[in-house]
PDB file of N, CA and C in Angstrom:
ATOM      1  N   MET A   1       0.828  -1.187   0.000  1.00  0.00           N
ATOM      2  CA  MET A   1       0.000   0.000   0.000  1.00  0.00           C
ATOM      3  C   MET A   1       0.871   1.248   0.000  1.00  0.00           C
ATOM      4  N   ASP A   2       0.449   2.262  -0.739  1.00  0.00           N
ATOM      5  CA  ASP A   2       1.172   3.523  -0.757  1.00  0.00           C
ATOM      6  C   ASP A   2       1.002   4.230   0.582  1.00  0.00           C
ATOM      7  N   PRO A   3       2.042   4.949   1.013  1.00  0.00           N
ATOM      8  CA  PRO A   3       1.919   5.706   2.261  1.00  0.00           C
ATOM      9  C   PRO A   3       0.836   6.786   2.149  1.00  0.00           C
ATOM     10  N   VAL A   4       0.249   7.101   3.278  1.00  0.00           N
ATOM     11  CA  VAL A   4      -0.754   8.163   3.379  1.00  0.00           C
ATOM     12  C   VAL A   4      -0.042   9.394   3.915  1.00  0.00           C
ATOM     13  N   THR A   5      -0.283  10.559   3.314  1.00  0.00           N
ATOM     14  CA  THR A   5       0.322  11.797   3.795  1.00  0.00           C
ATOM     15  C   THR A   5      -0.781  12.698   4.343  1.00  0.00           C
ATOM     16  N   ILE A   6      -0.543  13.200   5.541  1.00  0.00           N
ATOM     17  CA  ILE A   6      -1.500  14.058   6.238  1.00  0.00           C
ATOM     18  C   ILE A   6      -0.819  15.377   6.581  1.00  0.00           C
ATOM     19  N   LYS A   7      -1.474  16.482   6.289  1.00  0.00           N
ATOM     20  CA  LYS A   7      -0.993  17.807   6.687  1.00  0.00           C
ATOM     21  C   LYS A   7      -1.509  18.077   8.086  1.00  0.00           C
ATOM     22  N   VAL A   8      -0.589  18.405   8.999  1.00  0.00           N
ATOM     23  CA  VAL A   8      -0.945  18.657  10.395  1.00  0.00           C
ATOM     24  C   VAL A   8      -0.611  20.103  10.733  1.00  0.00           C
ATOM     25  N   GLU A   9      -1.581  20.819  11.273  1.00  0.00           N
ATOM     26  CA  GLU A   9      -1.366  22.208  11.666  1.00  0.00           C
ATOM     27  C   GLU A   9      -1.457  22.340  13.179  1.00  0.00           C
ATOM     28  N   GLY A  10      -0.634  23.208  13.728  1.00  0.00           N
ATOM     29  CA  GLY A  10      -0.693  23.489  15.154  1.00  0.00           C
ATOM     30  C   GLY A  10       0.471  22.924  15.955  1.00  0.00           C
ATOM     31  N   MET A  11       1.361  22.177  15.302  1.00  0.00           N
ATOM     32  CA  MET A  11       2.522  21.648  16.012  1.00  0.00           C
ATOM     33  C   MET A  11       3.550  22.764  16.175  1.00  0.00           C
ATOM     34  N   THR A  12       4.065  22.910  17.394  1.00  0.00           N
ATOM     35  CA  THR A  12       5.035  23.975  17.656  1.00  0.00           C
ATOM     36  C   THR A  12       6.362  23.477  18.215  1.00  0.00           C
ATOM     37  N   CYS A  13       6.436  22.189  18.551  1.00  0.00           N
ATOM     38  CA  CYS A  13       7.662  21.671  19.152  1.00  0.00           C
ATOM     39  C   CYS A  13       7.788  20.171  18.897  1.00  0.00           C
ATOM     40  N   ALA A  14       8.923  19.621  19.273  1.00  0.00           N
ATOM     41  CA  ALA A  14       9.158  18.187  19.093  1.00  0.00           C
ATOM     42  C   ALA A  14       8.159  17.360  19.897  1.00  0.00           C
ATOM     43  N   GLY A  15       7.736  17.870  21.034  1.00  0.00           N
ATOM     44  CA  GLY A  15       6.746  17.169  21.843  1.00  0.00           C
ATOM     45  C   GLY A  15       5.419  17.045  21.112  1.00  0.00           C
ATOM     46  N   CYS A  16       5.062  18.073  20.368  1.00  0.00           N
ATOM     47  CA  CYS A  16       3.838  18.029  19.558  1.00  0.00           C
ATOM     48  C   CYS A  16       3.942  16.935  18.507  1.00  0.00           C
ATOM     49  N   ALA A  17       5.069  16.885  17.820  1.00  0.00           N
ATOM     50  CA  ALA A  17       5.269  15.884  16.775  1.00  0.00           C
ATOM     51  C   ALA A  17       5.211  14.476  17.365  1.00  0.00           C
ATOM     52  N   THR A  18       5.767  14.305  18.545  1.00  0.00           N
ATOM     53  CA  THR A  18       5.731  13.010  19.216  1.00  0.00           C
ATOM     54  C   THR A  18       4.299  12.632  19.586  1.00  0.00           C
ATOM     55  N   ALA A  19       3.525  13.593  20.061  1.00  0.00           N
ATOM     56  CA  ALA A  19       2.126  13.334  20.417  1.00  0.00           C
ATOM     57  C   ALA A  19       1.318  12.937  19.190  1.00  0.00           C
ATOM     58  N   VAL A  20       1.556  13.605  18.064  1.00  0.00           N
ATOM     59  CA  VAL A  20       0.852  13.284  16.832  1.00  0.00           C
ATOM     60  C   VAL A  20       1.246  11.886  16.356  1.00  0.00           C
ATOM     61  N   ARG A  21       2.538  11.582  16.385  1.00  0.00           N
ATOM     62  CA  ARG A  21       3.003  10.255  15.956  1.00  0.00           C
ATOM     63  C   ARG A  21       2.387   9.163  16.819  1.00  0.00           C
ATOM     64  N   SER A  22       2.351   9.392  18.110  1.00  0.00           N
ATOM     65  CA  SER A  22       1.758   8.420  19.033  1.00  0.00           C
ATOM     66  C   SER A  22       0.276   8.196  18.736  1.00  0.00           C
ATOM     67  N   ALA A  23      -0.439   9.272  18.485  1.00  0.00           N
ATOM     68  CA  ALA A  23      -1.871   9.164  18.165  1.00  0.00           C
ATOM     69  C   ALA A  23      -2.077   8.361  16.885  1.00  0.00           C
ATOM     70  N   ILE A  24      -1.264   8.634  15.882  1.00  0.00           N
ATOM     71  CA  ILE A  24      -1.389   7.934  14.602  1.00  0.00           C
ATOM     72  C   ILE A  24      -1.078   6.451  14.765  1.00  0.00           C
ATOM     73  N   GLU A  25      -0.024   6.139  15.510  1.00  0.00           N
ATOM     74  CA  GLU A  25       0.387   4.743  15.650  1.00  0.00           C
ATOM     75  C   GLU A  25      -0.636   3.890  16.394  1.00  0.00           C
ATOM     76  N   ASN A  26      -1.572   4.519  17.083  1.00  0.00           N
ATOM     77  CA  ASN A  26      -2.622   3.780  17.784  1.00  0.00           C
ATOM     78  C   ASN A  26      -3.829   3.485  16.895  1.00  0.00           C
ATOM     79  N   VAL A  27      -3.823   3.966  15.665  1.00  0.00           N
ATOM     80  CA  VAL A  27      -4.926   3.718  14.725  1.00  0.00           C
ATOM     81  C   VAL A  27      -4.766   2.311  14.141  1.00  0.00           C
ATOM     82  N   PRO A  28      -5.843   1.517  14.136  1.00  0.00           N
ATOM     83  CA  PRO A  28      -5.756   0.172  13.553  1.00  0.00           C
ATOM     84  C   PRO A  28      -5.280   0.206  12.102  1.00  0.00           C
ATOM     85  N   GLY A  29      -4.359  -0.700  11.784  1.00  0.00           N
ATOM     86  CA  GLY A  29      -3.829  -0.796  10.429  1.00  0.00           C
ATOM     87  C   GLY A  29      -2.548  -0.005  10.212  1.00  0.00           C
ATOM     88  N   VAL A  30      -2.210   0.881  11.146  1.00  0.00           N
ATOM     89  CA  VAL A  30      -0.983   1.672  11.008  1.00  0.00           C
ATOM     90  C   VAL A  30       0.205   0.844  11.498  1.00  0.00           C
ATOM     91  N   GLU A  31       1.223   0.747  10.655  1.00  0.00           N
ATOM     92  CA  GLU A  31       2.441   0.035  11.024  1.00  0.00           C
ATOM     93  C   GLU A  31       3.528   0.998  11.488  1.00  0.00           C
ATOM     94  N   SER A  32       3.584   2.181  10.851  1.00  0.00           N
ATOM     95  CA  SER A  32       4.575   3.177  11.255  1.00  0.00           C
ATOM     96  C   SER A  32       4.113   4.560  10.836  1.00  0.00           C
ATOM     97  N   ALA A  33       4.637   5.553  11.532  1.00  0.00           N
ATOM     98  CA  ALA A  33       4.309   6.943  11.216  1.00  0.00           C
ATOM     99  C   ALA A  33       5.552   7.801  11.418  1.00  0.00           C
ATOM    100  N   GLN A  34       5.754   8.721  10.501  1.00  0.00           N
ATOM    101  CA  GLN A  34       6.824   9.705  10.627  1.00  0.00           C
ATOM    102  C   GLN A  34       6.174  11.075  10.574  1.00  0.00           C
ATOM    103  N   VAL A  35       6.530  11.920  11.535  1.00  0.00           N
ATOM    104  CA  VAL A  35       5.959  13.262  11.596  1.00  0.00           C
ATOM    105  C   VAL A  35       7.103  14.264  11.488  1.00  0.00           C
ATOM    106  N   ASP A  36       7.011  15.153  10.512  1.00  0.00           N
ATOM    107  CA  ASP A  36       8.033  16.162  10.286  1.00  0.00           C
ATOM    108  C   ASP A  36       7.513  17.507  10.785  1.00  0.00           C
ATOM    109  N   LEU A  37       8.076  17.974  11.874  1.00  0.00           N
ATOM    110  CA  LEU A  37       7.654  19.237  12.481  1.00  0.00           C
ATOM    111  C   LEU A  37       7.864  20.406  11.516  1.00  0.00           C
ATOM    112  N   ALA A  38       8.978  20.410  10.801  1.00  0.00           N
ATOM    113  CA  ALA A  38       9.316  21.530   9.920  1.00  0.00           C
ATOM    114  C   ALA A  38       8.326  21.691   8.766  1.00  0.00           C
ATOM    115  N   THR A  39       7.902  20.574   8.173  1.00  0.00           N
ATOM    116  CA  THR A  39       6.991  20.653   7.032  1.00  0.00           C
ATOM    117  C   THR A  39       5.531  20.533   7.444  1.00  0.00           C
ATOM    118  N   GLY A  40       5.295  20.023   8.653  1.00  0.00           N
ATOM    119  CA  GLY A  40       3.929  19.816   9.113  1.00  0.00           C
ATOM    120  C   GLY A  40       3.255  18.634   8.457  1.00  0.00           C
ATOM    121  N   LEU A  41       4.060  17.681   7.974  1.00  0.00           N
ATOM    122  CA  LEU A  41       3.506  16.519   7.296  1.00  0.00           C
ATOM    123  C   LEU A  41       3.741  15.240   8.088  1.00  0.00           C
ATOM    124  N   ALA A  42       2.730  14.397   8.086  1.00  0.00           N
ATOM    125  CA  ALA A  42       2.841  13.072   8.682  1.00  0.00           C
ATOM    126  C   ALA A  42       2.727  12.060   7.553  1.00  0.00           C
ATOM    127  N   THR A  43       3.645  11.109   7.514  1.00  0.00           N
ATOM    128  CA  THR A  43       3.618  10.049   6.516  1.00  0.00           C
ATOM    129  C   THR A  43       3.336   8.749   7.252  1.00  0.00           C
ATOM    130  N   VAL A  44       2.291   8.059   6.798  1.00  0.00           N
ATOM    131  CA  VAL A  44       1.801   6.882   7.506  1.00  0.00           C
ATOM    132  C   VAL A  44       1.843   5.669   6.591  1.00  0.00           C
ATOM    133  N   ALA A  45       2.406   4.580   7.105  1.00  0.00           N
ATOM    134  CA  ALA A  45       2.455   3.325   6.352  1.00  0.00           C
ATOM    135  C   ALA A  45       1.719   2.260   7.147  1.00  0.00           C
ATOM    136  N   GLY A  46       1.137   1.330   6.429  1.00  0.00           N
ATOM    137  CA  GLY A  46       0.461   0.252   7.115  1.00  0.00           C
ATOM    138  C   GLY A  46      -0.413  -0.564   6.199  1.00  0.00           C
ATOM    139  N   ASP A  47      -1.213  -1.413   6.817  1.00  0.00           N
ATOM    140  CA  ASP A  47      -2.099  -2.304   6.094  1.00  0.00           C
ATOM    141  C   ASP A  47      -3.469  -1.652   5.955  1.00  0.00           C
ATOM    142  N   GLN A  48      -3.588  -0.761   4.993  1.00  0.00           N
ATOM    143  CA  GLN A  48      -4.817  -0.059   4.677  1.00  0.00           C
ATOM    144  C   GLN A  48      -5.443   0.687   5.865  1.00  0.00           C
ATOM    145  N   PRO A  49      -4.644   1.531   6.545  1.00  0.00           N
ATOM    146  CA  PRO A  49      -5.270   2.327   7.608  1.00  0.00           C
ATOM    147  C   PRO A  49      -6.252   3.322   6.997  1.00  0.00           C
ATOM    148  N   LYS A  50      -7.330   3.604   7.697  1.00  0.00           N
ATOM    149  CA  LYS A  50      -8.336   4.539   7.195  1.00  0.00           C
ATOM    150  C   LYS A  50      -7.857   5.964   7.428  1.00  0.00           C
ATOM    151  N   THR A  51      -7.804   6.743   6.349  1.00  0.00           N
ATOM    152  CA  THR A  51      -7.361   8.132   6.443  1.00  0.00           C
ATOM    153  C   THR A  51      -8.239   8.912   7.406  1.00  0.00           C
ATOM    154  N   THR A  52      -9.535   8.679   7.374  1.00  0.00           N
ATOM    155  CA  THR A  52     -10.432   9.405   8.283  1.00  0.00           C
ATOM    156  C   THR A  52     -10.122   9.083   9.734  1.00  0.00           C
ATOM    157  N   SER A  53      -9.757   7.840  10.019  1.00  0.00           N
ATOM    158  CA  SER A  53      -9.415   7.453  11.393  1.00  0.00           C
ATOM    159  C   SER A  53      -8.120   8.125  11.843  1.00  0.00           C
ATOM    160  N   ILE A  54      -7.170   8.250  10.930  1.00  0.00           N
ATOM    161  CA  ILE A  54      -5.905   8.915  11.249  1.00  0.00           C
ATOM    162  C   ILE A  54      -6.158  10.387  11.557  1.00  0.00           C
ATOM    163  N   ILE A  55      -6.949  11.036  10.718  1.00  0.00           N
ATOM    164  CA  ILE A  55      -7.262  12.453  10.921  1.00  0.00           C
ATOM    165  C   ILE A  55      -7.989  12.653  12.252  1.00  0.00           C
ATOM    166  N   GLU A  56      -8.945  11.800  12.549  1.00  0.00           N
ATOM    167  CA  GLU A  56      -9.679  11.904  13.816  1.00  0.00           C
ATOM    168  C   GLU A  56      -8.746  11.746  15.009  1.00  0.00           C
ATOM    169  N   ALA A  57      -7.800  10.807  14.919  1.00  0.00           N
ATOM    170  CA  ALA A  57      -6.851  10.583  16.012  1.00  0.00           C
ATOM    171  C   ALA A  57      -5.996  11.821  16.255  1.00  0.00           C
ATOM    172  N   ILE A  58      -5.566  12.469  15.180  1.00  0.00           N
ATOM    173  CA  ILE A  58      -4.757  13.686  15.295  1.00  0.00           C
ATOM    174  C   ILE A  58      -5.595  14.811  15.911  1.00  0.00           C
ATOM    175  N   MET A  59      -6.817  14.944  15.438  1.00  0.00           N
ATOM    176  CA  MET A  59      -7.672  16.028  15.914  1.00  0.00           C
ATOM    177  C   MET A  59      -8.044  15.863  17.391  1.00  0.00           C
ATOM    178  N   THR A  60      -8.113  14.626  17.883  1.00  0.00           N
ATOM    179  CA  THR A  60      -8.408  14.432  19.308  1.00  0.00           C
ATOM    180  C   THR A  60      -7.270  14.924  20.187  1.00  0.00           C
ATOM    181  N   ARG A  61      -6.084  15.067  19.596  1.00  0.00           N
ATOM    182  CA  ARG A  61      -4.935  15.615  20.335  1.00  0.00           C
ATOM    183  C   ARG A  61      -4.877  17.143  20.255  1.00  0.00           C
ATOM    184  N   GLY A  62      -5.836  17.739  19.527  1.00  0.00           N
ATOM    185  CA  GLY A  62      -5.922  19.191  19.475  1.00  0.00           C
ATOM    186  C   GLY A  62      -5.270  19.844  18.280  1.00  0.00           C
ATOM    187  N   TYR A  63      -4.957  19.072  17.248  1.00  0.00           N
ATOM    188  CA  TYR A  63      -4.320  19.619  16.054  1.00  0.00           C
ATOM    189  C   TYR A  63      -5.296  19.559  14.877  1.00  0.00           C
ATOM    190  N   LYS A  64      -5.087  20.413  13.904  1.00  0.00           N
ATOM    191  CA  LYS A  64      -5.878  20.354  12.676  1.00  0.00           C
ATOM    192  C   LYS A  64      -5.161  19.398  11.726  1.00  0.00           C
ATOM    193  N   ALA A  65      -5.959  18.640  10.955  1.00  0.00           N
ATOM    194  CA  ALA A  65      -5.359  17.680  10.037  1.00  0.00           C
ATOM    195  C   ALA A  65      -6.233  17.507   8.809  1.00  0.00           C
ATOM    196  N   GLU A  66      -5.569  17.277   7.676  1.00  0.00           N
ATOM    197  CA  GLU A  66      -6.282  16.993   6.438  1.00  0.00           C
ATOM    198  C   GLU A  66      -5.392  16.154   5.534  1.00  0.00           C
ATOM    199  N   ALA A  67      -6.022  15.334   4.701  1.00  0.00           N
ATOM    200  CA  ALA A  67      -5.277  14.520   3.747  1.00  0.00           C
ATOM    201  C   ALA A  67      -4.667  15.408   2.675  1.00  0.00           C
ATOM    202  N   VAL A  68      -3.490  15.023   2.220  1.00  0.00           N
ATOM    203  CA  VAL A  68      -2.803  15.775   1.167  1.00  0.00           C
ATOM    204  C   VAL A  68      -2.978  15.041  -0.137  1.00  0.00           C
TER     205      VAL A  68
END
């Protein structure tokens, strides 16, 4: 499966990026997640994780998110 890319807004520090990565990795089907604070992008790999579920997980942590 191709990686899913999500634009994340509201991250201001490495702790934010870690919180977003943790939220994403708890979504069923996600095998790994990389969050780049500088670009505001999260790249998610896995066995068909649902993009809507990933976005919801990020938003529950207080960040804005949308598929790219």
